[in-house]
């Protein structure tokens, strides 16, 4: 019985080739910390400045230092996007219960250039 399998045409999932958006959640660790530091760039965008290893099992390995934070718990982040300022985002993280949801944007140039997980 011959089947019609194995057609590898160009019709794959239409992932944007230029850049990517990543979703994930961060949890507080045993000391109650997210181990996340965000900063604001000159354009009013918010980005990840530090993300340290945590005893919590969460999605932090999806994120990289330098990723632009576009959403926090589903709310828009970044004055350049009409969202909250870095101060507002920090306040929200500080007042979060045990989990924050992040959406970040990573330009293609920064994606996949190997780790940089040196000694912190």
N, C-alpha and C. Protein backbone atom coordinates (compact mmCIF):
# COMPACT_ATOMS: atom_id res chain seq x y z
N UNK A 1 0.81 -1.21 0.00
CA UNK A 1 0.00 0.00 0.00
C UNK A 1 0.83 1.24 0.00
N UNK A 2 0.79 1.98 -1.09
CA UNK A 2 1.55 3.21 -1.16
C UNK A 2 0.74 4.39 -0.71
N UNK A 3 1.32 5.23 0.18
CA UNK A 3 0.64 6.45 0.64
C UNK A 3 1.23 7.66 -0.03
N UNK A 4 0.57 8.77 0.15
CA UNK A 4 1.05 10.02 -0.41
C UNK A 4 1.82 10.82 0.63
N UNK A 5 2.77 10.23 1.34
CA UNK A 5 3.45 10.92 2.44
C UNK A 5 4.65 11.71 1.98
N UNK A 6 5.16 12.47 2.89
CA UNK A 6 6.48 13.08 2.71
C UNK A 6 6.59 14.20 1.72
N UNK A 7 5.53 14.97 1.53
CA UNK A 7 5.68 16.13 0.67
C UNK A 7 6.26 17.29 1.47
N UNK A 8 7.51 17.62 1.23
CA UNK A 8 8.10 18.72 1.98
C UNK A 8 8.10 19.97 1.12
N UNK A 9 6.92 20.54 0.96
CA UNK A 9 6.80 21.76 0.18
C UNK A 9 7.15 22.96 1.02
N UNK A 10 7.08 24.16 0.45
CA UNK A 10 7.43 25.37 1.19
C UNK A 10 6.33 25.84 2.14
N UNK A 11 5.23 25.07 2.22
CA UNK A 11 4.10 25.51 3.04
C UNK A 11 4.25 25.07 4.49
N UNK A 12 5.22 25.65 5.17
CA UNK A 12 5.36 25.36 6.59
C UNK A 12 4.55 26.36 7.40
N UNK A 13 4.70 26.33 8.72
CA UNK A 13 4.06 27.36 9.53
C UNK A 13 4.66 28.72 9.20
N UNK A 14 3.84 29.74 9.08
CA UNK A 14 4.34 31.03 8.62
C UNK A 14 4.95 31.79 9.78
N UNK A 15 6.12 31.38 10.21
CA UNK A 15 6.83 32.10 11.27
C UNK A 15 7.48 33.32 10.65
N UNK A 16 7.40 34.45 11.34
CA UNK A 16 8.05 35.64 10.79
C UNK A 16 9.56 35.43 10.76
N UNK A 17 10.15 35.71 9.61
CA UNK A 17 11.57 35.42 9.48
C UNK A 17 12.43 36.50 10.11
N UNK A 18 11.86 37.71 10.29
CA UNK A 18 12.69 38.80 10.73
C UNK A 18 12.88 38.85 12.24
N UNK A 19 11.84 38.58 12.99
CA UNK A 19 11.95 38.72 14.43
C UNK A 19 10.94 37.79 15.08
N UNK A 20 10.96 37.73 16.39
CA UNK A 20 10.04 36.82 17.05
C UNK A 20 9.52 37.41 18.34
N UNK A 21 8.33 36.94 18.71
CA UNK A 21 7.71 37.33 19.96
C UNK A 21 7.63 36.09 20.84
N UNK A 22 8.02 36.22 22.10
CA UNK A 22 8.10 35.09 23.01
C UNK A 22 7.25 35.37 24.24
N UNK A 23 6.45 34.39 24.63
CA UNK A 23 5.61 34.49 25.82
C UNK A 23 6.12 33.54 26.89
N UNK A 24 5.95 33.90 28.13
CA UNK A 24 6.30 32.99 29.22
C UNK A 24 5.98 33.62 30.56
N UNK A 25 6.13 32.82 31.60
CA UNK A 25 5.85 33.29 32.95
C UNK A 25 7.09 33.16 33.82
N UNK A 26 7.22 34.10 34.76
CA UNK A 26 8.28 34.02 35.76
C UNK A 26 7.64 33.82 37.13
N UNK A 27 8.25 32.99 37.94
CA UNK A 27 7.77 32.71 39.28
C UNK A 27 8.75 33.24 40.32
N UNK A 28 8.22 33.57 41.48
CA UNK A 28 9.11 33.96 42.59
C UNK A 28 9.87 32.72 43.07
N UNK A 29 11.13 32.91 43.47
CA UNK A 29 11.93 31.80 43.97
C UNK A 29 11.71 31.63 45.47
N UNK A 30 12.52 30.80 46.09
CA UNK A 30 12.36 30.51 47.52
C UNK A 30 12.47 31.76 48.38
N UNK A 31 13.26 32.74 47.93
CA UNK A 31 13.37 33.99 48.68
C UNK A 31 12.30 35.00 48.28
N UNK A 32 11.39 34.58 47.39
CA UNK A 32 10.32 35.48 46.98
C UNK A 32 10.73 36.50 45.94
N UNK A 33 11.76 36.17 45.16
CA UNK A 33 12.25 37.12 44.16
C UNK A 33 12.10 36.57 42.75
N UNK A 34 11.84 37.47 41.81
CA UNK A 34 11.74 37.06 40.41
C UNK A 34 13.11 37.00 39.73
N UNK A 35 14.13 37.61 40.35
CA UNK A 35 15.48 37.65 39.77
C UNK A 35 15.47 38.29 38.38
N UNK A 36 14.65 39.33 38.24
CA UNK A 36 14.50 40.01 36.96
C UNK A 36 14.79 41.49 37.16
N UNK A 37 15.60 42.06 36.27
CA UNK A 37 15.85 43.49 36.32
C UNK A 37 15.54 44.06 34.95
N UNK A 38 14.68 45.08 34.91
CA UNK A 38 14.33 45.71 33.64
C UNK A 38 14.80 47.16 33.64
N UNK A 39 15.07 47.65 32.45
CA UNK A 39 15.51 49.04 32.29
C UNK A 39 14.78 49.66 31.10
N UNK A 40 14.92 50.99 31.02
CA UNK A 40 14.28 51.72 29.94
C UNK A 40 15.34 52.23 28.98
N UNK A 41 15.06 52.11 27.69
CA UNK A 41 16.02 52.64 26.72
C UNK A 41 15.66 54.07 26.34
N UNK A 42 16.46 54.67 25.48
CA UNK A 42 16.28 56.08 25.15
C UNK A 42 14.94 56.36 24.47
N UNK A 43 14.38 55.36 23.82
CA UNK A 43 13.11 55.54 23.12
C UNK A 43 11.89 55.33 24.02
N UNK A 44 12.13 54.97 25.28
CA UNK A 44 11.01 54.72 26.18
C UNK A 44 10.58 53.26 26.20
N UNK A 45 11.33 52.41 25.51
CA UNK A 45 11.04 50.98 25.54
C UNK A 45 11.63 50.35 26.79
N UNK A 46 11.06 49.23 27.19
CA UNK A 46 11.53 48.53 28.39
C UNK A 46 12.18 47.22 27.95
N UNK A 47 13.35 46.93 28.50
CA UNK A 47 14.06 45.72 28.10
C UNK A 47 14.60 44.99 29.33
N UNK A 48 14.93 43.71 29.14
CA UNK A 48 15.49 42.90 30.22
C UNK A 48 16.98 43.24 30.36
N UNK A 49 17.35 43.70 31.55
CA UNK A 49 18.74 44.05 31.80
C UNK A 49 19.48 42.90 32.48
N UNK A 50 18.80 42.23 33.39
CA UNK A 50 19.40 41.06 34.05
C UNK A 50 18.31 40.04 34.27
N UNK A 51 18.67 38.77 34.10
CA UNK A 51 17.76 37.67 34.39
C UNK A 51 18.61 36.55 34.94
N UNK A 52 18.54 36.36 36.26
CA UNK A 52 19.42 35.40 36.89
C UNK A 52 18.74 34.05 37.05
N UNK A 53 19.54 33.02 37.24
CA UNK A 53 18.98 31.70 37.47
C UNK A 53 18.18 31.71 38.76
N UNK A 54 17.16 30.86 38.78
CA UNK A 54 16.24 30.86 39.91
C UNK A 54 15.98 29.43 40.35
N UNK A 55 15.62 29.29 41.63
CA UNK A 55 15.24 27.97 42.12
C UNK A 55 13.83 27.61 41.67
N UNK A 56 13.08 28.60 41.18
CA UNK A 56 11.73 28.34 40.69
C UNK A 56 11.80 27.72 39.30
N UNK A 57 10.84 26.85 39.01
CA UNK A 57 10.76 26.26 37.68
C UNK A 57 9.78 27.07 36.87
N UNK A 58 10.29 27.93 36.01
CA UNK A 58 9.44 28.79 35.20
C UNK A 58 9.99 28.86 33.78
N UNK A 59 9.56 29.86 33.04
CA UNK A 59 9.92 29.94 31.62
C UNK A 59 11.11 30.84 31.34
N UNK A 60 11.92 31.14 32.36
CA UNK A 60 12.96 32.15 32.16
C UNK A 60 13.97 31.77 31.09
N UNK A 61 14.13 30.46 30.82
CA UNK A 61 15.10 30.10 29.78
C UNK A 61 14.64 30.53 28.39
N UNK A 62 13.37 30.91 28.25
CA UNK A 62 12.90 31.41 26.96
C UNK A 62 13.37 32.84 26.69
N UNK A 63 13.70 33.55 27.76
CA UNK A 63 14.01 34.97 27.61
C UNK A 63 15.52 35.20 27.62
N UNK A 64 15.93 36.31 27.03
CA UNK A 64 17.34 36.68 27.00
C UNK A 64 17.49 38.12 27.45
N UNK A 65 18.65 38.41 28.04
CA UNK A 65 18.99 39.80 28.34
C UNK A 65 18.97 40.58 27.02
N UNK A 66 18.35 41.74 27.04
CA UNK A 66 18.24 42.55 25.84
C UNK A 66 16.89 42.43 25.14
N UNK A 67 16.10 41.40 25.50
CA UNK A 67 14.76 41.29 24.92
C UNK A 67 13.92 42.50 25.32
N UNK A 68 13.13 43.00 24.39
CA UNK A 68 12.23 44.12 24.67
C UNK A 68 10.94 43.58 25.27
N UNK A 69 10.57 44.09 26.44
CA UNK A 69 9.33 43.67 27.08
C UNK A 69 8.18 44.46 26.47
N UNK A 70 7.24 43.76 25.83
CA UNK A 70 6.11 44.45 25.19
C UNK A 70 4.84 44.33 26.01
N UNK A 71 4.74 43.27 26.83
CA UNK A 71 3.56 43.11 27.66
C UNK A 71 3.93 42.51 29.01
N UNK A 72 3.18 42.92 30.02
CA UNK A 72 3.35 42.41 31.37
C UNK A 72 1.96 42.07 31.88
N UNK A 73 1.72 40.78 32.14
CA UNK A 73 0.37 40.33 32.52
C UNK A 73 -0.67 40.80 31.50
N UNK A 74 -0.29 40.82 30.23
CA UNK A 74 -1.23 41.17 29.18
C UNK A 74 -1.40 42.66 28.95
N UNK A 75 -0.75 43.49 29.77
CA UNK A 75 -0.86 44.94 29.61
C UNK A 75 0.35 45.48 28.85
N UNK A 76 0.11 46.45 28.02
CA UNK A 76 1.15 47.00 27.17
C UNK A 76 2.24 47.69 28.00
N UNK A 77 3.49 47.45 27.62
CA UNK A 77 4.64 48.02 28.33
C UNK A 77 5.47 48.84 27.35
N UNK A 78 5.97 49.98 27.84
CA UNK A 78 6.84 50.82 27.02
C UNK A 78 6.13 52.08 26.60
N UNK A 79 6.68 53.22 27.01
CA UNK A 79 6.07 54.50 26.65
C UNK A 79 6.03 54.68 25.15
N UNK A 80 7.00 54.08 24.44
CA UNK A 80 7.03 54.20 22.98
C UNK A 80 5.90 53.40 22.33
N UNK A 81 5.23 52.53 23.09
CA UNK A 81 4.09 51.78 22.56
C UNK A 81 2.78 52.26 23.18
N UNK A 82 2.82 53.35 23.92
CA UNK A 82 1.62 53.80 24.61
C UNK A 82 1.31 52.96 25.83
N UNK A 83 2.30 52.24 26.33
CA UNK A 83 2.10 51.40 27.50
C UNK A 83 2.70 52.01 28.75
N UNK A 84 2.82 51.17 29.78
CA UNK A 84 3.32 51.67 31.06
C UNK A 84 4.83 51.95 31.01
N UNK A 85 5.26 52.84 31.88
CA UNK A 85 6.68 53.17 31.97
C UNK A 85 7.42 52.05 32.69
N UNK A 86 8.75 52.15 32.69
CA UNK A 86 9.54 51.14 33.40
C UNK A 86 9.22 51.17 34.89
N UNK A 87 8.94 52.37 35.42
CA UNK A 87 8.57 52.45 36.84
C UNK A 87 7.25 51.71 37.10
N UNK A 88 6.29 51.91 36.19
CA UNK A 88 5.02 51.22 36.33
C UNK A 88 5.17 49.71 36.24
N UNK A 89 6.04 49.28 35.33
CA UNK A 89 6.26 47.85 35.17
C UNK A 89 6.94 47.26 36.40
N UNK A 90 7.93 47.99 36.94
CA UNK A 90 8.62 47.51 38.15
C UNK A 90 7.64 47.41 39.32
N UNK A 91 6.78 48.41 39.44
CA UNK A 91 5.80 48.42 40.52
C UNK A 91 4.86 47.23 40.39
N UNK A 92 4.47 46.95 39.16
CA UNK A 92 3.56 45.84 38.93
C UNK A 92 4.23 44.50 39.28
N UNK A 93 5.50 44.36 38.90
CA UNK A 93 6.24 43.13 39.23
C UNK A 93 6.37 43.00 40.74
N UNK A 94 6.68 44.12 41.40
CA UNK A 94 6.87 44.10 42.85
C UNK A 94 5.59 43.67 43.57
N UNK A 95 4.45 44.12 43.05
CA UNK A 95 3.19 43.84 43.70
C UNK A 95 2.52 42.56 43.20
N UNK A 96 3.16 41.86 42.29
CA UNK A 96 2.58 40.62 41.77
C UNK A 96 2.54 39.57 42.87
N UNK A 97 1.64 38.63 42.72
CA UNK A 97 1.56 37.58 43.75
C UNK A 97 2.76 36.66 43.61
N UNK A 98 2.62 35.56 42.89
CA UNK A 98 3.77 34.66 42.77
C UNK A 98 4.21 34.50 41.32
N UNK A 99 3.49 35.13 40.40
CA UNK A 99 3.75 34.89 38.98
C UNK A 99 3.53 36.16 38.19
N UNK A 100 4.42 36.43 37.24
CA UNK A 100 4.19 37.49 36.25
C UNK A 100 4.30 36.87 34.86
N UNK A 101 3.44 37.33 33.97
CA UNK A 101 3.48 36.88 32.59
C UNK A 101 4.15 37.95 31.74
N UNK A 102 5.14 37.52 30.97
CA UNK A 102 5.88 38.44 30.12
C UNK A 102 5.67 38.09 28.65
N UNK A 103 5.60 39.11 27.83
CA UNK A 103 5.71 38.94 26.38
C UNK A 103 6.87 39.82 25.94
N UNK A 104 7.83 39.22 25.24
CA UNK A 104 8.98 39.99 24.79
C UNK A 104 9.11 39.88 23.28
N UNK A 105 9.82 40.84 22.74
CA UNK A 105 10.09 40.90 21.31
C UNK A 105 11.60 40.84 21.14
N UNK A 106 12.03 39.97 20.24
CA UNK A 106 13.47 39.83 20.00
C UNK A 106 13.75 40.02 18.52
N UNK A 107 14.50 41.06 18.18
CA UNK A 107 14.88 41.23 16.77
C UNK A 107 15.71 40.03 16.32
N UNK A 108 15.63 39.75 15.04
CA UNK A 108 16.29 38.56 14.54
C UNK A 108 17.80 38.61 14.77
N UNK A 109 18.37 39.81 14.70
CA UNK A 109 19.82 39.93 14.85
C UNK A 109 20.30 39.42 16.20
N UNK A 110 19.42 39.55 17.23
CA UNK A 110 19.85 39.14 18.56
C UNK A 110 19.51 37.68 18.82
N UNK A 111 18.70 37.08 17.95
CA UNK A 111 18.25 35.72 18.23
C UNK A 111 19.31 34.70 17.82
N UNK A 112 19.50 33.74 18.67
CA UNK A 112 20.30 32.58 18.34
C UNK A 112 21.77 32.82 18.11
N UNK A 113 22.38 33.76 18.85
CA UNK A 113 23.83 33.89 18.70
C UNK A 113 24.53 33.23 19.87
N UNK A 114 24.08 32.08 20.27
CA UNK A 114 24.75 31.31 21.32
C UNK A 114 24.57 31.95 22.67
N UNK A 115 24.80 31.37 23.72
CA UNK A 115 24.50 31.79 25.08
C UNK A 115 25.23 33.00 25.59
N UNK A 116 26.13 33.20 26.25
CA UNK A 116 26.66 34.30 26.99
C UNK A 116 26.30 34.08 28.43
N UNK A 117 26.12 32.84 28.85
CA UNK A 117 25.80 32.56 30.25
C UNK A 117 27.10 32.43 31.04
N UNK A 118 27.78 33.54 31.18
CA UNK A 118 29.02 33.51 31.96
C UNK A 118 28.73 33.55 33.43
N UNK A 119 29.75 33.68 34.24
CA UNK A 119 29.55 33.74 35.70
C UNK A 119 28.89 35.04 36.09
N UNK A 120 27.82 34.96 36.85
CA UNK A 120 27.12 36.17 37.27
C UNK A 120 27.65 36.61 38.62
